[in-house]
Every structure is written in structure tokens, then in C-alpha cells.
Amino acid sequence: MAKAERPDLAREWVARAFTRVEDVVYIALGVLLAASAIALLANAGVAFVRTVADGEIAGRLVSILDQLLLVLMIVEILYTVQISFREHALVPEPFLVVGLIAGIRRVLVITAELSNVAQGDPDTFRHAMLELGLLTLMILALVGALGIVRRRAPGAAAEKA
């Protein structure tokens, strides 16, 4: 019976060691994501103040919104890391939200550049329209998936603590 206990103890020790390594990685990842979000938010704030001071808000608004949506994506990824650290499980909802934000962010950028694209090459315009159509389908699919996840697995949407 002593031989049977040794493999179990070794497995338990290895599992605990991997869990500790996983926790260290999650903590480091969380710190880097938080620092990135703060730096990007500060950069967007400075850009906004400069834009308002220069009176160019209409021309730069999409760029600032793009930066803010990137910050929001990073915060949602940070939230996903927090859930994974706390519960040692992957929850689908934050990933769907990040994908949704990324899709909306790209739609805004394409839409803002549409006037320049429309005046250029017809093939470039056609590609932009195709990308907008595919992004719209992706956004609708992500919203549908988010609704399904929230209805079928209410516990999958972890509470923010």
C-alpha cells in the first residue's frame, strides 16, 4: 500500500506546483494588463485635452474613441484573468465581450475612414464594404452567443467582486 501512496503524493505535489506557477503567471499578467490600461487611458486623456485645446475634436474623435475601446478591451481581459485566477476556470462571457468590443472598434475605424476609401480605388472600397458586412455578422453572432451563455449558464457570468 505504501507504493500506491507515493504516486498519489507525487501527483498531488506536481499539481500544487503547477497551480502555484499558474497563479504567479496570472498575477504577472494582471499587473502588466493593469499598467497597460492605465498608460493607454492616460495617453487618451492627454490626446483628448490636446484635441479640445486645438479645436480639432471632430477630426480626432474616432482615434480617441478607438484608444478608449482598446482600454475597455484590456480591462475586460484583466477581468478574465481575475476570474481565472480566483476560480481556476475559464468563463466564456468575458471572451465574448472582448470579441464584441473588438468588432465594434474595427467597425468604427472602417466607418471613419470610409470617406477616404470611397474616393480611392473601387476594389479597396469593395473590400471595406465586405469587411463591414462580415464584422456586422460577427457582432450579431457574438451578441447571440452572449445571450445564450447568459440564459443557459447564469453561473458562467461570474460576479465582479
N, C-alpha and C. Protein backbone atom coordinates (compact mmCIF):
# COMPACT_ATOMS: atom_id res chain seq x y z
N MET A 1 0.81 -1.19 0.00
CA MET A 1 0.00 0.00 0.00
C MET A 1 0.86 1.27 0.00
N ALA A 2 2.08 1.15 0.49
CA ALA A 2 2.98 2.30 0.52
C ALA A 2 3.35 2.73 -0.88
N LYS A 3 3.49 1.76 -1.80
CA LYS A 3 3.83 2.11 -3.18
C LYS A 3 2.68 2.84 -3.86
N ALA A 4 1.46 2.50 -3.55
CA ALA A 4 0.30 3.16 -4.15
C ALA A 4 0.17 4.59 -3.67
N GLU A 5 0.60 4.88 -2.46
CA GLU A 5 0.51 6.24 -1.91
C GLU A 5 1.53 7.17 -2.53
N ARG A 6 2.71 6.66 -2.89
CA ARG A 6 3.76 7.51 -3.45
C ARG A 6 3.36 8.19 -4.75
N PRO A 7 2.80 7.46 -5.72
CA PRO A 7 2.38 8.16 -6.95
C PRO A 7 1.31 9.20 -6.68
N ASP A 8 0.40 8.93 -5.75
CA ASP A 8 -0.63 9.90 -5.42
C ASP A 8 -0.02 11.16 -4.81
N LEU A 9 0.93 10.98 -3.92
CA LEU A 9 1.61 12.13 -3.31
C LEU A 9 2.39 12.92 -4.36
N ALA A 10 3.05 12.22 -5.26
CA ALA A 10 3.81 12.90 -6.31
C ALA A 10 2.88 13.68 -7.23
N ARG A 11 1.75 13.09 -7.59
CA ARG A 11 0.78 13.80 -8.44
C ARG A 11 0.24 15.03 -7.74
N GLU A 12 -0.07 14.87 -6.46
CA GLU A 12 -0.60 16.00 -5.69
C GLU A 12 0.43 17.12 -5.58
N TRP A 13 1.70 16.75 -5.36
CA TRP A 13 2.76 17.75 -5.25
C TRP A 13 2.94 18.49 -6.59
N VAL A 14 2.95 17.73 -7.70
CA VAL A 14 3.10 18.33 -9.03
C VAL A 14 1.91 19.23 -9.34
N ALA A 15 0.71 18.79 -9.01
CA ALA A 15 -0.49 19.60 -9.26
C ALA A 15 -0.43 20.91 -8.47
N ARG A 16 -0.01 20.84 -7.20
CA ARG A 16 0.12 22.07 -6.40
C ARG A 16 1.20 22.99 -6.96
N ALA A 17 2.30 22.42 -7.43
CA ALA A 17 3.38 23.23 -8.00
C ALA A 17 2.89 23.94 -9.26
N PHE A 18 2.19 23.23 -10.12
CA PHE A 18 1.65 23.85 -11.34
C PHE A 18 0.62 24.93 -11.01
N THR A 19 -0.19 24.70 -10.00
CA THR A 19 -1.17 25.70 -9.58
C THR A 19 -0.47 26.96 -9.11
N ARG A 20 0.61 26.82 -8.38
CA ARG A 20 1.37 28.00 -7.91
C ARG A 20 2.00 28.74 -9.09
N VAL A 21 2.55 27.99 -10.04
CA VAL A 21 3.13 28.62 -11.23
C VAL A 21 2.04 29.36 -12.01
N GLU A 22 0.90 28.73 -12.15
CA GLU A 22 -0.23 29.35 -12.84
C GLU A 22 -0.64 30.64 -12.13
N ASP A 23 -0.69 30.62 -10.82
CA ASP A 23 -1.04 31.83 -10.06
C ASP A 23 -0.03 32.95 -10.27
N VAL A 24 1.26 32.61 -10.27
CA VAL A 24 2.30 33.62 -10.50
C VAL A 24 2.15 34.23 -11.89
N VAL A 25 1.87 33.40 -12.88
CA VAL A 25 1.69 33.90 -14.25
C VAL A 25 0.47 34.80 -14.32
N TYR A 26 -0.64 34.40 -13.69
CA TYR A 26 -1.84 35.22 -13.69
C TYR A 26 -1.59 36.57 -13.01
N ILE A 27 -0.86 36.57 -11.92
CA ILE A 27 -0.56 37.82 -11.22
C ILE A 27 0.29 38.73 -12.09
N ALA A 28 1.33 38.18 -12.70
CA ALA A 28 2.19 38.98 -13.57
C ALA A 28 1.41 39.52 -14.77
N LEU A 29 0.58 38.68 -15.35
CA LEU A 29 -0.24 39.10 -16.48
C LEU A 29 -1.21 40.20 -16.07
N GLY A 30 -1.81 40.06 -14.91
CA GLY A 30 -2.73 41.07 -14.40
C GLY A 30 -2.04 42.41 -14.17
N VAL A 31 -0.85 42.38 -13.60
CA VAL A 31 -0.11 43.62 -13.35
C VAL A 31 0.23 44.30 -14.67
N LEU A 32 0.70 43.52 -15.65
CA LEU A 32 1.04 44.11 -16.96
C LEU A 32 -0.19 44.67 -17.67
N LEU A 33 -1.31 43.95 -17.61
CA LEU A 33 -2.53 44.44 -18.23
C LEU A 33 -3.03 45.72 -17.54
N ALA A 34 -2.98 45.75 -16.22
CA ALA A 34 -3.42 46.94 -15.49
C ALA A 34 -2.53 48.14 -15.82
N ALA A 35 -1.23 47.92 -15.87
CA ALA A 35 -0.31 49.01 -16.21
C ALA A 35 -0.56 49.50 -17.64
N SER A 36 -0.82 48.57 -18.55
CA SER A 36 -1.10 48.95 -19.94
C SER A 36 -2.38 49.76 -20.03
N ALA A 37 -3.42 49.33 -19.32
CA ALA A 37 -4.70 50.04 -19.36
C ALA A 37 -4.55 51.45 -18.79
N ILE A 38 -3.83 51.58 -17.71
CA ILE A 38 -3.63 52.91 -17.10
C ILE A 38 -2.83 53.81 -18.04
N ALA A 39 -1.77 53.27 -18.65
CA ALA A 39 -0.96 54.07 -19.57
C ALA A 39 -1.76 54.50 -20.79
N LEU A 40 -2.54 53.59 -21.36
CA LEU A 40 -3.36 53.93 -22.53
C LEU A 40 -4.45 54.94 -22.17
N LEU A 41 -5.05 54.79 -20.99
CA LEU A 41 -6.07 55.73 -20.56
C LEU A 41 -5.49 57.13 -20.36
N ALA A 42 -4.32 57.18 -19.75
CA ALA A 42 -3.65 58.48 -19.57
C ALA A 42 -3.31 59.10 -20.93
N ASN A 43 -2.82 58.28 -21.85
CA ASN A 43 -2.49 58.77 -23.19
C ASN A 43 -3.73 59.30 -23.91
N ALA A 44 -4.86 58.57 -23.78
CA ALA A 44 -6.10 59.02 -24.40
C ALA A 44 -6.59 60.32 -23.76
N GLY A 45 -6.42 60.45 -22.45
CA GLY A 45 -6.81 61.68 -21.76
C GLY A 45 -6.00 62.87 -22.24
N VAL A 46 -4.70 62.68 -22.37
CA VAL A 46 -3.83 63.76 -22.86
C VAL A 46 -4.19 64.12 -24.30
N ALA A 47 -4.43 63.11 -25.12
CA ALA A 47 -4.80 63.36 -26.52
C ALA A 47 -6.13 64.11 -26.59
N PHE A 48 -7.07 63.76 -25.73
CA PHE A 48 -8.37 64.43 -25.72
C PHE A 48 -8.21 65.90 -25.33
N VAL A 49 -7.44 66.17 -24.31
CA VAL A 49 -7.22 67.55 -23.86
C VAL A 49 -6.55 68.36 -24.97
N ARG A 50 -5.53 67.79 -25.60
CA ARG A 50 -4.84 68.49 -26.69
C ARG A 50 -5.78 68.74 -27.87
N THR A 51 -6.61 67.75 -28.18
CA THR A 51 -7.55 67.88 -29.29
C THR A 51 -8.57 68.98 -29.03
N VAL A 52 -9.08 69.03 -27.82
CA VAL A 52 -10.04 70.07 -27.45
C VAL A 52 -9.36 71.44 -27.49
N ALA A 53 -8.13 71.51 -26.98
CA ALA A 53 -7.41 72.79 -26.96
C ALA A 53 -7.11 73.27 -28.38
N ASP A 54 -6.84 72.35 -29.28
CA ASP A 54 -6.55 72.72 -30.68
C ASP A 54 -7.82 72.93 -31.50
N GLY A 55 -8.96 72.56 -30.95
CA GLY A 55 -10.23 72.71 -31.67
C GLY A 55 -10.41 71.72 -32.79
N GLU A 56 -9.78 70.56 -32.70
CA GLU A 56 -9.85 69.54 -33.76
C GLU A 56 -10.62 68.31 -33.30
N ILE A 57 -11.61 68.50 -32.46
CA ILE A 57 -12.31 67.36 -31.87
C ILE A 57 -13.00 66.49 -32.92
N ALA A 58 -13.56 67.09 -33.95
CA ALA A 58 -14.27 66.32 -34.98
C ALA A 58 -13.33 65.40 -35.73
N GLY A 59 -12.13 65.85 -36.01
CA GLY A 59 -11.19 65.06 -36.79
C GLY A 59 -10.51 63.96 -36.01
N ARG A 60 -10.41 64.12 -34.71
CA ARG A 60 -9.67 63.16 -33.89
C ARG A 60 -10.54 62.33 -32.96
N LEU A 61 -11.83 62.54 -32.99
CA LEU A 61 -12.73 61.85 -32.06
C LEU A 61 -12.69 60.34 -32.24
N VAL A 62 -12.65 59.87 -33.47
CA VAL A 62 -12.64 58.43 -33.72
C VAL A 62 -11.36 57.80 -33.20
N SER A 63 -10.25 58.50 -33.36
CA SER A 63 -8.96 57.99 -32.86
C SER A 63 -8.98 57.88 -31.34
N ILE A 64 -9.54 58.87 -30.67
CA ILE A 64 -9.63 58.83 -29.21
C ILE A 64 -10.58 57.73 -28.77
N LEU A 65 -11.71 57.61 -29.45
CA LEU A 65 -12.66 56.55 -29.13
C LEU A 65 -12.03 55.17 -29.35
N ASP A 66 -11.22 55.05 -30.38
CA ASP A 66 -10.51 53.80 -30.66
C ASP A 66 -9.60 53.44 -29.48
N GLN A 67 -8.87 54.43 -28.96
CA GLN A 67 -8.00 54.20 -27.81
C GLN A 67 -8.81 53.81 -26.57
N LEU A 68 -9.92 54.47 -26.35
CA LEU A 68 -10.75 54.16 -25.18
C LEU A 68 -11.35 52.76 -25.27
N LEU A 69 -11.74 52.35 -26.47
CA LEU A 69 -12.26 50.99 -26.64
C LEU A 69 -11.15 49.95 -26.44
N LEU A 70 -9.93 50.30 -26.81
CA LEU A 70 -8.80 49.41 -26.55
C LEU A 70 -8.58 49.26 -25.04
N VAL A 71 -8.70 50.37 -24.31
CA VAL A 71 -8.60 50.32 -22.84
C VAL A 71 -9.70 49.41 -22.28
N LEU A 72 -10.91 49.56 -22.81
CA LEU A 72 -12.02 48.73 -22.35
C LEU A 72 -11.76 47.25 -22.63
N MET A 73 -11.18 46.94 -23.78
CA MET A 73 -10.83 45.57 -24.10
C MET A 73 -9.80 45.03 -23.10
N ILE A 74 -8.81 45.82 -22.80
CA ILE A 74 -7.77 45.39 -21.86
C ILE A 74 -8.37 45.16 -20.47
N VAL A 75 -9.28 46.04 -20.06
CA VAL A 75 -9.93 45.87 -18.75
C VAL A 75 -10.75 44.59 -18.73
N GLU A 76 -11.45 44.28 -19.82
CA GLU A 76 -12.22 43.04 -19.88
C GLU A 76 -11.31 41.82 -19.86
N ILE A 77 -10.17 41.91 -20.52
CA ILE A 77 -9.19 40.81 -20.47
C ILE A 77 -8.65 40.68 -19.05
N LEU A 78 -8.40 41.80 -18.39
CA LEU A 78 -7.95 41.78 -17.00
C LEU A 78 -9.00 41.12 -16.11
N TYR A 79 -10.27 41.41 -16.37
CA TYR A 79 -11.36 40.78 -15.62
C TYR A 79 -11.35 39.27 -15.85
N THR A 80 -11.09 38.85 -17.08
CA THR A 80 -11.00 37.42 -17.40
C THR A 80 -9.85 36.77 -16.64
N VAL A 81 -8.73 37.46 -16.57
CA VAL A 81 -7.58 36.95 -15.80
C VAL A 81 -7.95 36.85 -14.32
N GLN A 82 -8.65 37.85 -13.81
CA GLN A 82 -9.07 37.84 -12.41
C GLN A 82 -9.96 36.62 -12.12
N ILE A 83 -10.92 36.35 -12.99
CA ILE A 83 -11.80 35.19 -12.81
C ILE A 83 -11.00 33.90 -12.86
N SER A 84 -10.11 33.82 -13.83
CA SER A 84 -9.30 32.60 -13.98
C SER A 84 -8.42 32.39 -12.76
N PHE A 85 -7.88 33.47 -12.20
CA PHE A 85 -7.04 33.38 -11.00
C PHE A 85 -7.86 32.94 -9.80
N ARG A 86 -9.02 33.55 -9.64
CA ARG A 86 -9.86 33.29 -8.47
C ARG A 86 -10.48 31.90 -8.50
N GLU A 87 -11.00 31.50 -9.67
CA GLU A 87 -11.76 30.27 -9.73
C GLU A 87 -11.03 29.12 -10.43
N HIS A 88 -9.89 29.39 -11.01
CA HIS A 88 -9.14 28.40 -11.77
C HIS A 88 -10.04 27.73 -12.81
N ALA A 89 -10.80 28.56 -13.52
CA ALA A 89 -11.68 28.07 -14.58
C ALA A 89 -11.83 29.17 -15.63
N LEU A 90 -12.03 28.77 -16.86
CA LEU A 90 -12.27 29.73 -17.93
C LEU A 90 -13.77 29.97 -18.06
N VAL A 91 -14.15 31.22 -18.09
CA VAL A 91 -15.55 31.61 -18.22
C VAL A 91 -15.73 32.23 -19.60
N PRO A 92 -16.71 31.79 -20.39
CA PRO A 92 -16.83 32.26 -21.78
C PRO A 92 -17.28 33.70 -21.94
N GLU A 93 -18.08 34.23 -21.03
CA GLU A 93 -18.68 35.55 -21.21
C GLU A 93 -17.66 36.67 -21.44
N PRO A 94 -16.61 36.79 -20.63
CA PRO A 94 -15.66 37.89 -20.88
C PRO A 94 -14.98 37.81 -22.24
N PHE A 95 -14.74 36.60 -22.73
CA PHE A 95 -14.14 36.46 -24.05
C PHE A 95 -15.09 36.95 -25.14
N LEU A 96 -16.36 36.66 -24.98
CA LEU A 96 -17.36 37.14 -25.94
C LEU A 96 -17.45 38.67 -25.91
N VAL A 97 -17.38 39.25 -24.72
CA VAL A 97 -17.43 40.71 -24.59
C VAL A 97 -16.21 41.34 -25.25
N VAL A 98 -15.03 40.76 -25.05
CA VAL A 98 -13.82 41.29 -25.69
C VAL A 98 -13.94 41.22 -27.21
N GLY A 99 -14.44 40.11 -27.72
CA GLY A 99 -14.65 39.98 -29.16
C GLY A 99 -15.64 41.00 -29.69
N LEU A 100 -16.69 41.22 -28.93
CA LEU A 100 -17.71 42.21 -29.30
C LEU A 100 -17.11 43.62 -29.35
N ILE A 101 -16.34 43.97 -28.35
CA ILE A 101 -15.70 45.29 -28.32
C ILE A 101 -14.72 45.43 -29.48
N ALA A 102 -13.96 44.38 -29.76
CA ALA A 102 -13.00 44.42 -30.87
C ALA A 102 -13.71 44.61 -32.21
N GLY A 103 -14.82 43.91 -32.40
CA GLY A 103 -15.58 44.06 -33.64
C GLY A 103 -16.15 45.46 -33.80
N ILE A 104 -16.72 45.98 -32.73
CA ILE A 104 -17.28 47.34 -32.78
C ILE A 104 -16.17 48.36 -33.02
N ARG A 105 -15.04 48.14 -32.39
CA ARG A 105 -13.89 49.05 -32.56
C ARG A 105 -13.47 49.08 -34.04
N ARG A 106 -13.39 47.93 -34.67
CA ARG A 106 -12.98 47.88 -36.09
C ARG A 106 -14.03 48.51 -36.99
N VAL A 107 -15.31 48.31 -36.68
CA VAL A 107 -16.38 48.94 -37.47
C VAL A 107 -16.25 50.45 -37.40
N LEU A 108 -15.99 50.98 -36.21
CA LEU A 108 -15.83 52.44 -36.07
C LEU A 108 -14.66 52.97 -36.88
N VAL A 109 -13.55 52.24 -36.86
CA VAL A 109 -12.37 52.69 -37.62
C VAL A 109 -12.66 52.66 -39.12
N ILE A 110 -13.25 51.59 -39.61
CA ILE A 110 -13.56 51.48 -41.04
C ILE A 110 -14.55 52.57 -41.45
N THR A 111 -15.57 52.78 -40.62
CA THR A 111 -16.57 53.80 -40.92
C THR A 111 -15.95 55.18 -40.97
N ALA A 112 -15.04 55.47 -40.06
CA ALA A 112 -14.39 56.77 -40.03
C ALA A 112 -13.52 57.00 -41.27
N GLU A 113 -12.93 55.93 -41.78
CA GLU A 113 -12.06 56.04 -42.95
C GLU A 113 -12.82 55.86 -44.26
N LEU A 114 -14.12 55.64 -44.19
CA LEU A 114 -14.90 55.32 -45.37
C LEU A 114 -14.90 56.42 -46.42
N SER A 115 -14.92 57.68 -46.00
CA SER A 115 -14.93 58.77 -46.98
C SER A 115 -13.63 58.78 -47.79
N ASN A 116 -12.50 58.48 -47.14
CA ASN A 116 -11.23 58.42 -47.87
C ASN A 116 -11.20 57.21 -48.80
N VAL A 117 -11.74 56.10 -48.33
CA VAL A 117 -11.74 54.87 -49.13
C VAL A 117 -12.66 55.01 -50.33
N ALA A 118 -13.80 55.68 -50.15
CA ALA A 118 -14.77 55.84 -51.23
C ALA A 118 -14.20 56.65 -52.39
N GLN A 119 -13.31 57.57 -52.09
CA GLN A 119 -12.71 58.41 -53.14
C GLN A 119 -11.56 57.72 -53.84
N GLY A 120 -11.09 56.62 -53.27
CA GLY A 120 -9.93 55.91 -53.83
C GLY A 120 -10.33 54.81 -54.79
N ASP A 121 -9.58 53.75 -54.73
CA ASP A 121 -9.75 52.59 -55.61
C ASP A 121 -11.08 51.88 -55.33
N PRO A 122 -11.85 51.54 -56.38
CA PRO A 122 -13.12 50.82 -56.16
C PRO A 122 -12.94 49.46 -55.49
N ASP A 123 -11.83 48.78 -55.77
CA ASP A 123 -11.58 47.48 -55.12
C ASP A 123 -11.38 47.65 -53.62
N THR A 124 -10.70 48.70 -53.22
CA THR A 124 -10.49 48.97 -51.79
C THR A 124 -11.82 49.26 -51.12
N PHE A 125 -12.67 50.00 -51.79
CA PHE A 125 -14.00 50.30 -51.24
C PHE A 125 -14.82 49.01 -51.10
N ARG A 126 -14.75 48.16 -52.11
CA ARG A 126 -15.49 46.90 -52.09
C ARG A 126 -14.99 46.02 -50.94
N HIS A 127 -13.67 45.98 -50.73
CA HIS A 127 -13.11 45.21 -49.62
C HIS A 127 -13.56 45.77 -48.27
N ALA A 128 -13.62 47.09 -48.16
CA ALA A 128 -14.07 47.72 -46.92
C ALA A 128 -15.53 47.37 -46.65
N MET A 129 -16.36 47.38 -47.69
CA MET A 129 -17.77 47.03 -47.53
C MET A 129 -17.92 45.56 -47.14
N LEU A 130 -17.13 44.70 -47.75
CA LEU A 130 -17.16 43.28 -47.40
C LEU A 130 -16.74 43.08 -45.95
N GLU A 131 -15.69 43.77 -45.52
CA GLU A 131 -15.24 43.66 -44.14
C GLU A 131 -16.31 44.17 -43.17
N LEU A 132 -16.97 45.28 -43.53
CA LEU A 132 -18.05 45.78 -42.68
C LEU A 132 -19.20 44.78 -42.58
N GLY A 133 -19.53 44.14 -43.68
CA GLY A 133 -20.59 43.13 -43.66
C GLY A 133 -20.23 41.93 -42.78
N LEU A 134 -19.00 41.45 -42.93
CA LEU A 134 -18.56 40.32 -42.12
C LEU A 134 -18.47 40.69 -40.64
N LEU A 135 -18.00 41.90 -40.36
CA LEU A 135 -17.95 42.36 -38.97
C LEU A 135 -19.35 42.46 -38.36
N THR A 136 -20.30 42.92 -39.17
CA THR A 136 -21.68 43.00 -38.69
C THR A 136 -22.21 41.62 -38.34
N LEU A 137 -21.96 40.65 -39.20
CA LEU A 137 -22.38 39.27 -38.92
C LEU A 137 -21.69 38.73 -37.66
N MET A 138 -20.40 39.03 -37.52
CA MET A 138 -19.67 38.57 -36.34
C MET A 138 -20.23 39.19 -35.07
N ILE A 139 -20.53 40.49 -35.13
CA ILE A 139 -21.09 41.17 -33.96
C ILE A 139 -22.44 40.58 -33.58
N LEU A 140 -23.28 40.33 -34.57
CA LEU A 140 -24.58 39.72 -34.31
C LEU A 140 -24.41 38.31 -33.71
N ALA A 141 -23.46 37.55 -34.23
CA ALA A 141 -23.21 36.21 -33.69
C ALA A 141 -22.71 36.28 -32.26
N LEU A 142 -21.83 37.23 -31.96
CA LEU A 142 -21.32 37.37 -30.59
C LEU A 142 -22.42 37.80 -29.63
N VAL A 143 -23.29 38.70 -30.07
CA VAL A 143 -24.41 39.13 -29.23
C VAL A 143 -25.33 37.94 -28.97
N GLY A 144 -25.60 37.15 -30.01
CA GLY A 144 -26.42 35.94 -29.84
C GLY A 144 -25.78 34.95 -28.89
N ALA A 145 -24.48 34.73 -29.05
CA ALA A 145 -23.77 33.81 -28.16
C ALA A 145 -23.78 34.31 -26.72
N LEU A 146 -23.62 35.62 -26.55
CA LEU A 146 -23.66 36.20 -25.21
C LEU A 146 -25.03 36.00 -24.57
N GLY A 147 -26.09 36.18 -25.36
CA GLY A 147 -27.43 35.94 -24.86
C GLY A 147 -27.65 34.49 -24.47
N ILE A 148 -27.14 33.58 -25.28
CA ILE A 148 -27.28 32.14 -24.99
C ILE A 148 -26.52 31.78 -23.72
N VAL A 149 -25.30 32.29 -23.60
CA VAL A 149 -24.49 31.99 -22.40
C VAL A 149 -25.18 32.51 -21.15
N ARG A 150 -25.74 33.70 -21.22
CA ARG A 150 -26.40 34.27 -20.04
C ARG A 150 -27.68 33.54 -19.69
N ARG A 151 -28.41 33.02 -20.69
CA ARG A 151 -29.65 32.30 -20.43
C ARG A 151 -29.41 30.87 -19.95
N ARG A 152 -28.50 30.17 -20.62
CA ARG A 152 -28.30 28.75 -20.33
C ARG A 152 -27.38 28.49 -19.15
N ALA A 153 -26.44 29.37 -18.93
CA ALA A 153 -25.48 29.15 -17.85
C ALA A 153 -25.32 30.43 -17.03
N PRO A 154 -26.31 30.76 -16.22
CA PRO A 154 -26.21 32.01 -15.47
C PRO A 154 -25.01 32.04 -14.53
N GLY A 155 -24.53 30.87 -14.11
CA GLY A 155 -23.35 30.83 -13.25
C GLY A 155 -22.07 31.11 -14.02
N ALA A 156 -22.13 31.03 -15.38
CA ALA A 156 -20.93 31.28 -16.19
C ALA A 156 -20.54 32.73 -16.16
N ALA A 157 -21.51 33.60 -15.91
CA ALA A 157 -21.21 35.02 -15.80
C ALA A 157 -20.83 35.32 -14.37
N ALA A 158 -19.54 35.25 -14.10
CA ALA A 158 -19.06 35.43 -12.73
C ALA A 158 -19.33 36.85 -12.25
N GLU A 159 -19.64 36.97 -10.99
CA GLU A 159 -19.92 38.27 -10.39
C GLU A 159 -18.63 39.03 -10.19
N LYS A 160 -18.65 40.32 -10.48
CA LYS A 160 -17.49 41.15 -10.20
C LYS A 160 -17.45 41.43 -8.71
N ALA A 161 -16.30 41.16 -8.13
CA ALA A 161 -16.17 41.37 -6.68
C ALA A 161 -15.31 42.58 -6.38
